C-alpha atoms as a PDB file:
ATOM      1  CA  UNK A   1      28.333 175.288 -90.691  1.00  0.00           C
ATOM      2  CA  UNK A   2      29.318 176.297 -94.221  1.00  0.00           C
ATOM      3  CA  UNK A   3      32.093 174.001 -95.413  1.00  0.00           C
ATOM      4  CA  UNK A   4      34.411 174.154 -98.423  1.00  0.00           C
ATOM      5  CA  UNK A   5      35.567 170.795 -99.801  1.00  0.00           C
ATOM      6  CA  UNK A   6      38.926 170.694-101.553  1.00  0.00           C
ATOM      7  CA  UNK A   7      39.564 168.043-104.189  1.00  0.00           C
ATOM      8  CA  UNK A   8      35.818 167.695-104.590  1.00  0.00           C
ATOM      9  CA  UNK A   9      35.991 165.417-107.646  1.00  0.00           C
ATOM     10  CA  UNK A  10      38.332 162.873-106.059  1.00  0.00           C
ATOM     11  CA  UNK A  11      37.295 159.728-104.216  1.00  0.00           C
ATOM     12  CA  UNK A  12      37.454 161.400-100.825  1.00  0.00           C
ATOM     13  CA  UNK A  13      36.014 164.676-102.073  1.00  0.00           C
ATOM     14  CA  UNK A  14      32.923 163.037-103.529  1.00  0.00           C
ATOM     15  CA  UNK A  15      32.388 161.144-100.290  1.00  0.00           C
ATOM     16  CA  UNK A  16      32.658 164.364 -98.284  1.00  0.00           C
ATOM     17  CA  UNK A  17      30.070 166.094-100.472  1.00  0.00           C
ATOM     18  CA  UNK A  18      27.687 163.173 -99.942  1.00  0.00           C
ATOM     19  CA  UNK A  19      28.167 162.982 -96.165  1.00  0.00           C
ATOM     20  CA  UNK A  20      27.867 166.759 -95.709  1.00  0.00           C
ATOM     21  CA  UNK A  21      24.449 166.532 -97.381  1.00  0.00           C
ATOM     22  CA  UNK A  22      23.468 163.891 -94.818  1.00  0.00           C
ATOM     23  CA  UNK A  23      24.799 165.738 -91.759  1.00  0.00           C
ATOM     24  CA  UNK A  24      22.611 168.024 -89.681  1.00  0.00           C
ATOM     25  CA  UNK A  25      24.290 171.335 -89.000  1.00  0.00           C
ATOM     26  CA  UNK A  26      26.588 171.190 -92.037  1.00  0.00           C
ATOM     27  CA  UNK A  27      26.195 172.536 -95.560  1.00  0.00           C
ATOM     28  CA  UNK A  28      28.382 172.617 -98.664  1.00  0.00           C
ATOM     29  CA  UNK A  29      29.506 176.196 -99.302  1.00  0.00           C
ATOM     30  CA  UNK A  30      31.860 175.449-102.199  1.00  0.00           C
ATOM     31  CA  UNK A  31      33.548 172.586-104.030  1.00  0.00           C
ATOM     32  CA  UNK A  32      37.090 173.173-105.287  1.00  0.00           C
ATOM     33  CA  UNK A  33      39.259 171.382-107.832  1.00  0.00           C
ATOM     34  CA  UNK A  34      42.638 172.169-109.363  1.00  0.00           C
ATOM     35  CA  UNK A  35      42.991 174.335-112.451  1.00  0.00           C
ATOM     36  CA  UNK A  36      42.502 172.232-115.575  1.00  0.00           C
ATOM     37  CA  UNK A  37      40.460 169.541-113.871  1.00  0.00           C
ATOM     38  CA  UNK A  38      37.798 168.046-116.174  1.00  0.00           C
ATOM     39  CA  UNK A  39      35.370 168.323-113.254  1.00  0.00           C
ATOM     40  CA  UNK A  40      35.358 172.141-113.280  1.00  0.00           C
ATOM     41  CA  UNK A  41      31.905 173.629-113.855  1.00  0.00           C
ATOM     42  CA  UNK A  42      30.253 170.306-112.970  1.00  0.00           C
ATOM     43  CA  UNK A  43      27.582 170.089-110.281  1.00  0.00           C
ATOM     44  CA  UNK A  44      29.215 168.748-107.107  1.00  0.00           C
ATOM     45  CA  UNK A  45      26.119 166.799-106.141  1.00  0.00           C
ATOM     46  CA  UNK A  46      26.002 165.032-109.470  1.00  0.00           C
ATOM     47  CA  UNK A  47      29.667 164.045-109.130  1.00  0.00           C
ATOM     48  CA  UNK A  48      28.922 162.661-105.658  1.00  0.00           C
ATOM     49  CA  UNK A  49      25.936 160.671-106.919  1.00  0.00           C
ATOM     50  CA  UNK A  50      23.342 162.484-104.816  1.00  0.00           C
ATOM     51  CA  UNK A  51      21.714 164.562-107.563  1.00  0.00           C
ATOM     52  CA  UNK A  52      22.067 168.251-108.318  1.00  0.00           C
ATOM     53  CA  UNK A  53      22.809 170.430-105.311  1.00  0.00           C
ATOM     54  CA  UNK A  54      23.509 173.698-107.145  1.00  0.00           C
ATOM     55  CA  UNK A  55      27.156 173.895-106.060  1.00  0.00           C
ATOM     56  CA  UNK A  56      29.333 174.245-109.150  1.00  0.00           C
ATOM     57  CA  UNK A  57      32.881 172.929-108.898  1.00  0.00           C
ATOM     58  CA  UNK A  58      35.354 175.812-109.246  1.00  0.00           C
ATOM     59  CA  UNK A  59      39.042 176.554-108.793  1.00  0.00           C
ATOM     60  CA  UNK A  60      39.006 180.008-107.139  1.00  0.00           C
ATOM     61  CA  UNK A  61      39.880 179.207-103.535  1.00  0.00           C
ATOM     62  CA  UNK A  62      39.806 182.789-102.274  1.00  0.00           C
ATOM     63  CA  UNK A  63      36.299 183.333-103.639  1.00  0.00           C
ATOM     64  CA  UNK A  64      35.184 180.014-102.116  1.00  0.00           C
ATOM     65  CA  UNK A  65      36.407 181.014 -98.663  1.00  0.00           C
ATOM     66  CA  UNK A  66      34.365 184.209 -98.601  1.00  0.00           C
ATOM     67  CA  UNK A  67      31.468 183.565 -96.248  1.00  0.00           C
ATOM     68  CA  UNK A  68      32.650 180.046 -95.382  1.00  0.00           C
ATOM     69  CA  UNK A  69      33.112 178.747 -91.831  1.00  0.00           C
ATOM     70  CA  UNK A  70      35.549 175.960 -92.524  1.00  0.00           C
ATOM     71  CA  UNK A  71      37.562 173.907 -94.998  1.00  0.00           C
ATOM     72  CA  UNK A  72      37.931 170.141 -95.262  1.00  0.00           C
ATOM     73  CA  UNK A  73      41.166 169.167 -96.910  1.00  0.00           C
ATOM     74  CA  UNK A  74      42.352 165.713 -98.033  1.00  0.00           C
ATOM     75  CA  UNK A  75      44.720 166.940-100.751  1.00  0.00           C
ATOM     76  CA  UNK A  76      48.533 167.145-100.826  1.00  0.00           C
ATOM     77  CA  UNK A  77      51.044 168.535 -98.321  1.00  0.00           C
ATOM     78  CA  UNK A  78      51.948 171.664-100.320  1.00  0.00           C
ATOM     79  CA  UNK A  79      48.271 172.481-100.879  1.00  0.00           C
ATOM     80  CA  UNK A  80      47.400 171.975 -97.224  1.00  0.00           C
ATOM     81  CA  UNK A  81      50.192 174.283 -96.066  1.00  0.00           C
ATOM     82  CA  UNK A  82      48.978 177.011 -98.430  1.00  0.00           C
ATOM     83  CA  UNK A  83      45.359 176.572 -97.318  1.00  0.00           C
ATOM     84  CA  UNK A  84      46.367 176.708 -93.649  1.00  0.00           C
ATOM     85  CA  UNK A  85      47.871 180.156 -94.238  1.00  0.00           C
ATOM     86  CA  UNK A  86      44.663 181.327 -95.945  1.00  0.00           C
ATOM     87  CA  UNK A  87      42.601 179.891 -93.085  1.00  0.00           C
ATOM     88  CA  UNK A  88      44.723 181.860 -90.622  1.00  0.00           C
ATOM     89  CA  UNK A  89      44.148 185.107 -92.515  1.00  0.00           C
ATOM     90  CA  UNK A  90      40.372 184.565 -92.342  1.00  0.00           C
ATOM     91  CA  UNK A  91      40.305 182.849 -88.910  1.00  0.00           C
ATOM     92  CA  UNK A  92      38.601 179.776 -90.346  1.00  0.00           C
ATOM     93  CA  UNK A  93      38.389 176.159 -89.237  1.00  0.00           C
ATOM     94  CA  UNK A  94      40.715 173.959 -91.295  1.00  0.00           C
ATOM     95  CA  UNK A  95      40.361 170.177 -91.038  1.00  0.00           C
ATOM     96  CA  UNK A  96      43.407 168.435 -92.502  1.00  0.00           C
ATOM     97  CA  UNK A  97      43.253 164.752 -93.420  1.00  0.00           C
ATOM     98  CA  UNK A  98      46.219 165.030 -95.802  1.00  0.00           C
ATOM     99  CA  UNK A  99      49.189 162.749 -95.080  1.00  0.00           C
ATOM    100  CA  UNK A 100      52.823 162.551 -96.181  1.00  0.00           C
ATOM    101  CA  UNK A 101      54.018 165.792 -94.558  1.00  0.00           C
ATOM    102  CA  UNK A 102      57.684 166.609 -94.080  1.00  0.00           C
ATOM    103  CA  UNK A 103      58.941 168.198 -90.853  1.00  0.00           C
ATOM    104  CA  UNK A 104      58.990 171.693 -92.355  1.00  0.00           C
ATOM    105  CA  UNK A 105      55.372 171.405 -93.472  1.00  0.00           C
ATOM    106  CA  UNK A 106      54.246 170.481 -89.976  1.00  0.00           C
ATOM    107  CA  UNK A 107      56.014 173.554 -88.644  1.00  0.00           C
ATOM    108  CA  UNK A 108      54.270 175.775 -91.206  1.00  0.00           C
ATOM    109  CA  UNK A 109      50.871 174.375 -90.232  1.00  0.00           C
ATOM    110  CA  UNK A 110      51.661 174.977 -86.579  1.00  0.00           C
ATOM    111  CA  UNK A 111      52.543 178.579 -87.417  1.00  0.00           C
ATOM    112  CA  UNK A 112      49.207 179.025 -89.204  1.00  0.00           C
ATOM    113  CA  UNK A 113      47.403 177.770 -86.112  1.00  0.00           C
ATOM    114  CA  UNK A 114      49.264 180.301 -83.992  1.00  0.00           C
ATOM    115  CA  UNK A 115      48.387 183.022 -86.497  1.00  0.00           C
ATOM    116  CA  UNK A 116      44.619 182.518 -86.287  1.00  0.00           C
ATOM    117  CA  UNK A 117      43.472 179.265 -87.901  1.00  0.00           C
ATOM    118  CA  UNK A 118      41.598 176.641 -85.911  1.00  0.00           C
ATOM    119  CA  UNK A 119      43.207 173.498 -87.310  1.00  0.00           C
ATOM    120  CA  UNK A 120      42.285 169.877 -86.650  1.00  0.00           C
ATOM    121  CA  UNK A 121      44.972 167.675 -88.179  1.00  0.00           C
ATOM    122  CA  UNK A 122      45.180 163.895 -88.049  1.00  0.00           C
ATOM    123  CA  UNK A 123      46.785 161.082 -90.002  1.00  0.00           C
ATOM    124  CA  UNK A 124      43.375 159.423 -89.873  1.00  0.00           C
ATOM    125  CA  UNK A 125      39.953 160.986 -89.288  1.00  0.00           C
ATOM    126  CA  UNK A 126      38.261 157.711 -88.349  1.00  0.00           C
ATOM    127  CA  UNK A 127      36.829 157.681 -84.841  1.00  0.00           C
ATOM    128  CA  UNK A 128      37.788 154.011 -84.477  1.00  0.00           C
ATOM    129  CA  UNK A 129      41.423 154.524 -85.493  1.00  0.00           C
ATOM    130  CA  UNK A 130      41.871 157.339 -83.005  1.00  0.00           C
ATOM    131  CA  UNK A 131      40.453 155.179 -80.238  1.00  0.00           C
ATOM    132  CA  UNK A 132      42.844 152.440 -81.384  1.00  0.00           C
ATOM    133  CA  UNK A 133      45.754 154.871 -81.003  1.00  0.00           C
ATOM    134  CA  UNK A 134      44.801 155.465 -77.369  1.00  0.00           C
ATOM    135  CA  UNK A 135      44.717 151.707 -76.731  1.00  0.00           C
ATOM    136  CA  UNK A 136      48.118 151.294 -78.417  1.00  0.00           C
ATOM    137  CA  UNK A 137      49.616 153.981 -76.209  1.00  0.00           C
ATOM    138  CA  UNK A 138      48.202 152.346 -73.082  1.00  0.00           C
ATOM    139  CA  UNK A 139      49.445 148.897 -74.123  1.00  0.00           C
ATOM    140  CA  UNK A 140      52.943 150.170 -74.949  1.00  0.00           C
ATOM    141  CA  UNK A 141      53.148 151.907 -71.585  1.00  0.00           C
ATOM    142  CA  UNK A 142      51.916 148.891 -69.641  1.00  0.00           C
ATOM    143  CA  UNK A 143      54.084 146.290 -71.384  1.00  0.00           C
ATOM    144  CA  UNK A 144      57.306 148.284 -71.650  1.00  0.00           C
ATOM    145  CA  UNK A 145      60.086 148.061 -74.260  1.00  0.00           C
ATOM    146  CA  UNK A 146      62.032 145.087 -72.872  1.00  0.00           C
ATOM    147  CA  UNK A 147      59.517 142.235 -72.881  1.00  0.00           C
ATOM    148  CA  UNK A 148      57.475 143.144 -76.003  1.00  0.00           C
ATOM    149  CA  UNK A 149      58.469 144.209 -79.520  1.00  0.00           C
ATOM    150  CA  UNK A 150      56.135 146.503 -81.500  1.00  0.00           C
ATOM    151  CA  UNK A 151      55.420 146.199 -85.219  1.00  0.00           C
ATOM    152  CA  UNK A 152      52.924 148.287 -87.209  1.00  0.00           C
ATOM    153  CA  UNK A 153      51.465 146.592 -90.289  1.00  0.00           C
ATOM    154  CA  UNK A 154      49.357 148.480 -92.834  1.00  0.00           C
ATOM    155  CA  UNK A 155      47.764 147.860 -96.224  1.00  0.00           C
ATOM    156  CA  UNK A 156      46.161 150.312 -98.635  1.00  0.00           C
ATOM    157  CA  UNK A 157      44.948 150.442-102.227  1.00  0.00           C
ATOM    158  CA  UNK A 158      47.448 150.538-105.061  1.00  0.00           C
ATOM    159  CA  UNK A 159      46.962 154.260-105.736  1.00  0.00           C
ATOM    160  CA  UNK A 160      48.246 155.472-102.359  1.00  0.00           C
ATOM    161  CA  UNK A 161      51.449 157.461-102.798  1.00  0.00           C
ATOM    162  CA  UNK A 162      52.934 157.786 -99.286  1.00  0.00           C
ATOM    163  CA  UNK A 163      54.403 155.079 -97.074  1.00  0.00           C
ATOM    164  CA  UNK A 164      54.155 154.307 -94.258  1.00  0.00           C
ATOM    165  CA  UNK A 165      50.627 155.641 -94.204  1.00  0.00           C
ATOM    166  CA  UNK A 166      49.680 158.585 -92.037  1.00  0.00           C
ATOM    167  CA  UNK A 167      47.640 156.189 -89.922  1.00  0.00           C
ATOM    168  CA  UNK A 168      50.584 153.839 -89.425  1.00  0.00           C
ATOM    169  CA  UNK A 169      52.702 156.789 -88.290  1.00  0.00           C
ATOM    170  CA  UNK A 170      49.902 157.962 -85.993  1.00  0.00           C
ATOM    171  CA  UNK A 171      49.863 154.509 -84.373  1.00  0.00           C
ATOM    172  CA  UNK A 172      53.653 154.445 -84.203  1.00  0.00           C
ATOM    173  CA  UNK A 173      53.624 157.829 -82.488  1.00  0.00           C
ATOM    174  CA  UNK A 174      51.094 156.470 -79.989  1.00  0.00           C
ATOM    175  CA  UNK A 175      53.353 153.506 -79.225  1.00  0.00           C
ATOM    176  CA  UNK A 176      56.375 155.795 -78.859  1.00  0.00           C
ATOM    177  CA  UNK A 177      54.429 158.100 -76.543  1.00  0.00           C
ATOM    178  CA  UNK A 178      53.487 155.113 -74.405  1.00  0.00           C
ATOM    179  CA  UNK A 179      57.180 154.253 -74.107  1.00  0.00           C
ATOM    180  CA  UNK A 180      58.142 157.914 -73.589  1.00  0.00           C
ATOM    181  CA  UNK A 181      60.544 157.939 -76.549  1.00  0.00           C
ATOM    182  CA  UNK A 182      60.778 159.826 -79.849  1.00  0.00           C
ATOM    183  CA  UNK A 183      59.490 157.779 -82.783  1.00  0.00           C
ATOM    184  CA  UNK A 184      62.071 159.320 -85.128  1.00  0.00           C
ATOM    185  CA  UNK A 185      64.858 157.852 -83.004  1.00  0.00           C
ATOM    186  CA  UNK A 186      63.323 154.390 -82.586  1.00  0.00           C
ATOM    187  CA  UNK A 187      61.515 153.564 -85.853  1.00  0.00           C
ATOM    188  CA  UNK A 188      62.573 150.974 -88.429  1.00  0.00           C
ATOM    189  CA  UNK A 189      60.771 151.501 -91.752  1.00  0.00           C
ATOM    190  CA  UNK A 190      62.842 149.303 -94.084  1.00  0.00           C
ATOM    191  CA  UNK A 191      64.353 145.841 -93.642  1.00  0.00           C
ATOM    192  CA  UNK A 192      66.311 144.287 -96.475  1.00  0.00           C
ATOM    193  CA  UNK A 193      69.175 141.830 -96.659  1.00  0.00           C
ATOM    194  CA  UNK A 194      71.167 140.668 -93.637  1.00  0.00           C
ATOM    195  CA  UNK A 195      69.810 142.989 -90.992  1.00  0.00           C
ATOM    196  CA  UNK A 196      70.996 141.178 -87.894  1.00  0.00           C
ATOM    197  CA  UNK A 197      68.832 140.624 -84.814  1.00  0.00           C
ATOM    198  CA  UNK A 198      65.993 143.015 -84.089  1.00  0.00           C
ATOM    199  CA  UNK A 199      67.191 145.947 -82.009  1.00  0.00           C
ATOM    200  CA  UNK A 200      65.417 146.088 -78.661  1.00  0.00           C
ATOM    201  CA  UNK A 201      63.053 148.991 -78.143  1.00  0.00           C
ATOM    202  CA  UNK A 202      62.510 149.759 -81.834  1.00  0.00           C
ATOM    203  CA  UNK A 203      59.102 150.205 -83.465  1.00  0.00           C
ATOM    204  CA  UNK A 204      58.919 148.523 -86.856  1.00  0.00           C
ATOM    205  CA  UNK A 205      56.734 149.317 -89.864  1.00  0.00           C
ATOM    206  CA  UNK A 206      55.601 147.054 -92.714  1.00  0.00           C
ATOM    207  CA  UNK A 207      53.790 148.467 -95.739  1.00  0.00           C
ATOM    208  CA  UNK A 208      51.544 146.586 -98.178  1.00  0.00           C
ATOM    209  CA  UNK A 209      49.864 148.034-101.288  1.00  0.00           C
ATOM    210  CA  UNK A 210      47.369 146.490-103.670  1.00  0.00           C
ATOM    211  CA  UNK A 211      43.886 146.378-105.121  1.00  0.00           C
ATOM    212  CA  UNK A 212      41.179 148.586-103.677  1.00  0.00           C
ATOM    213  CA  UNK A 213      41.856 148.179 -99.946  1.00  0.00           C
ATOM    214  CA  UNK A 214      40.550 151.288 -98.150  1.00  0.00           C
ATOM    215  CA  UNK A 215      42.823 150.833 -95.144  1.00  0.00           C
ATOM    216  CA  UNK A 216      43.836 148.070 -92.741  1.00  0.00           C
ATOM    217  CA  UNK A 217      46.130 148.579 -89.763  1.00  0.00           C
ATOM    218  CA  UNK A 218      47.436 146.278 -87.048  1.00  0.00           C
ATOM    219  CA  UNK A 219      49.773 146.945 -84.163  1.00  0.00           C
ATOM    220  CA  UNK A 220      51.490 143.759 -83.030  1.00  0.00           C
ATOM    221  CA  UNK A 221      53.044 143.548 -79.578  1.00  0.00           C
ATOM    222  CA  UNK A 222      55.147 140.390 -79.618  1.00  0.00           C
ATOM    223  CA  UNK A 223      56.606 138.897 -76.445  1.00  0.00           C
ATOM    224  CA  UNK A 224      58.149 135.575 -75.535  1.00  0.00           C
ATOM    225  CA  UNK A 225      55.436 132.965 -75.990  1.00  0.00           C
ATOM    226  CA  UNK A 226      52.581 135.442 -76.518  1.00  0.00           C
ATOM    227  CA  UNK A 227      51.411 138.083 -78.956  1.00  0.00           C
ATOM    228  CA  UNK A 228      48.816 140.861 -78.761  1.00  0.00           C
ATOM    229  CA  UNK A 229      47.276 142.374 -81.903  1.00  0.00           C
ATOM    230  CA  UNK A 230      45.237 145.573 -81.964  1.00  0.00           C
ATOM    231  CA  UNK A 231      43.609 146.137 -85.355  1.00  0.00           C
ATOM    232  CA  UNK A 232      41.278 148.330 -87.381  1.00  0.00           C
ATOM    233  CA  UNK A 233      39.832 147.733 -90.849  1.00  0.00           C
ATOM    234  CA  UNK A 234      38.169 150.464 -92.896  1.00  0.00           C
ATOM    235  CA  UNK A 235      35.502 149.178 -95.251  1.00  0.00           C
ATOM    236  CA  UNK A 236      34.254 152.514 -96.591  1.00  0.00           C
ATOM    237  CA  UNK A 237      35.708 156.011 -97.043  1.00  0.00           C
ATOM    238  CA  UNK A 238      32.629 157.489 -95.424  1.00  0.00           C
ATOM    239  CA  UNK A 239      34.140 156.774 -91.985  1.00  0.00           C
ATOM    240  CA  UNK A 240      36.876 159.317 -92.732  1.00  0.00           C
ATOM    241  CA  UNK A 241      34.355 161.821 -94.073  1.00  0.00           C
ATOM    242  CA  UNK A 242      32.117 161.476 -91.021  1.00  0.00           C
ATOM    243  CA  UNK A 243      35.104 161.953 -88.719  1.00  0.00           C
ATOM    244  CA  UNK A 244      36.307 165.032 -90.627  1.00  0.00           C
ATOM    245  CA  UNK A 245      32.872 166.654 -90.537  1.00  0.00           C
ATOM    246  CA  UNK A 246      32.540 165.849 -86.833  1.00  0.00           C
ATOM    247  CA  UNK A 247      35.917 167.541 -86.338  1.00  0.00           C
ATOM    248  CA  UNK A 248      34.798 170.648 -88.237  1.00  0.00           C
ATOM    249  CA  UNK A 249      31.584 170.973 -86.233  1.00  0.00           C
ATOM    250  CA  UNK A 250      33.527 170.480 -82.990  1.00  0.00           C
ATOM    251  CA  UNK A 251      36.125 173.107 -83.954  1.00  0.00           C
ATOM    252  CA  UNK A 252      33.628 175.835 -84.810  1.00  0.00           C
ATOM    253  CA  UNK A 253      33.907 178.502 -82.128  1.00  0.00           C
ATOM    254  CA  UNK A 254      37.055 176.985 -80.584  1.00  0.00           C
ATOM    255  CA  UNK A 255      40.098 179.247 -80.059  1.00  0.00           C
ATOM    256  CA  UNK A 256      42.694 179.283 -82.821  1.00  0.00           C
ATOM    257  CA  UNK A 257      45.234 176.509 -82.390  1.00  0.00           C
ATOM    258  CA  UNK A 258      46.347 173.081 -83.545  1.00  0.00           C
ATOM    259  CA  UNK A 259      44.104 170.225 -82.429  1.00  0.00           C
ATOM    260  CA  UNK A 260      43.940 166.483 -83.082  1.00  0.00           C
ATOM    261  CA  UNK A 261      41.145 163.943 -83.331  1.00  0.00           C
ATOM    262  CA  UNK A 262      41.935 162.999 -79.752  1.00  0.00           C
ATOM    263  CA  UNK A 263      40.801 166.476 -78.770  1.00  0.00           C
ATOM    264  CA  UNK A 264      37.624 166.057 -80.823  1.00  0.00           C
ATOM    265  CA  UNK A 265      36.851 162.761 -79.058  1.00  0.00           C
ATOM    266  CA  UNK A 266      37.821 164.010 -75.591  1.00  0.00           C
ATOM    267  CA  UNK A 267      40.676 161.497 -75.383  1.00  0.00           C
ATOM    268  CA  UNK A 268      43.650 163.863 -75.164  1.00  0.00           C
ATOM    269  CA  UNK A 269      43.898 163.881 -71.380  1.00  0.00           C
END
């Protein structure tokens, strides 16, 4: 499968280039960076630390998509929406690991999927995190909203720009689904000052930032006299790259539409 990597000179982009080279059935068709990037015209393999691979980093997305089978995209919401439209025009696979989307952006991506793109979108591409989300949903359903309170705690490196993280929101959505409620109507993302007692049935979020932490997430279900914690710690960005490439390979040949990592793992039932 011929894959285009967007943001190829970034931390995630370099990891994707490396893991694609290690993955049977996948090859790097093109490596893309923004206009003005100092990485333009560099060898993508050299940037990724795997030696020359002959793929020169460029900025012409349309040229890169010619002859490609899919795109892997950990960039920014506006970029991902634009790429989704281009993927629809060419009926390509588009794997989106970007986070921080607004409601309107999600709608635009859904429209691109209806128009011909095969899109796999997830707040986290890790196989372990998506299994964790299933467990969170099951726990929230089994324990109910009255006896147990739910809090989502996450920590990331100091360079991360969105909060709560896409993974934290993914886990919050899983908890809300287990309770059969809308997360938007039951989430508490900020507590400051005299807040009063915790409102029953809400799902709280706490955000930590610092250092070089790749990603740590815990879902705490706190009851009277007992507490359950479901956690995941990411030690290396390659777990996200491996998940994204697995998603791309899975999506090849699938009908156009919007899929999640649960679909990729066969856990969406």
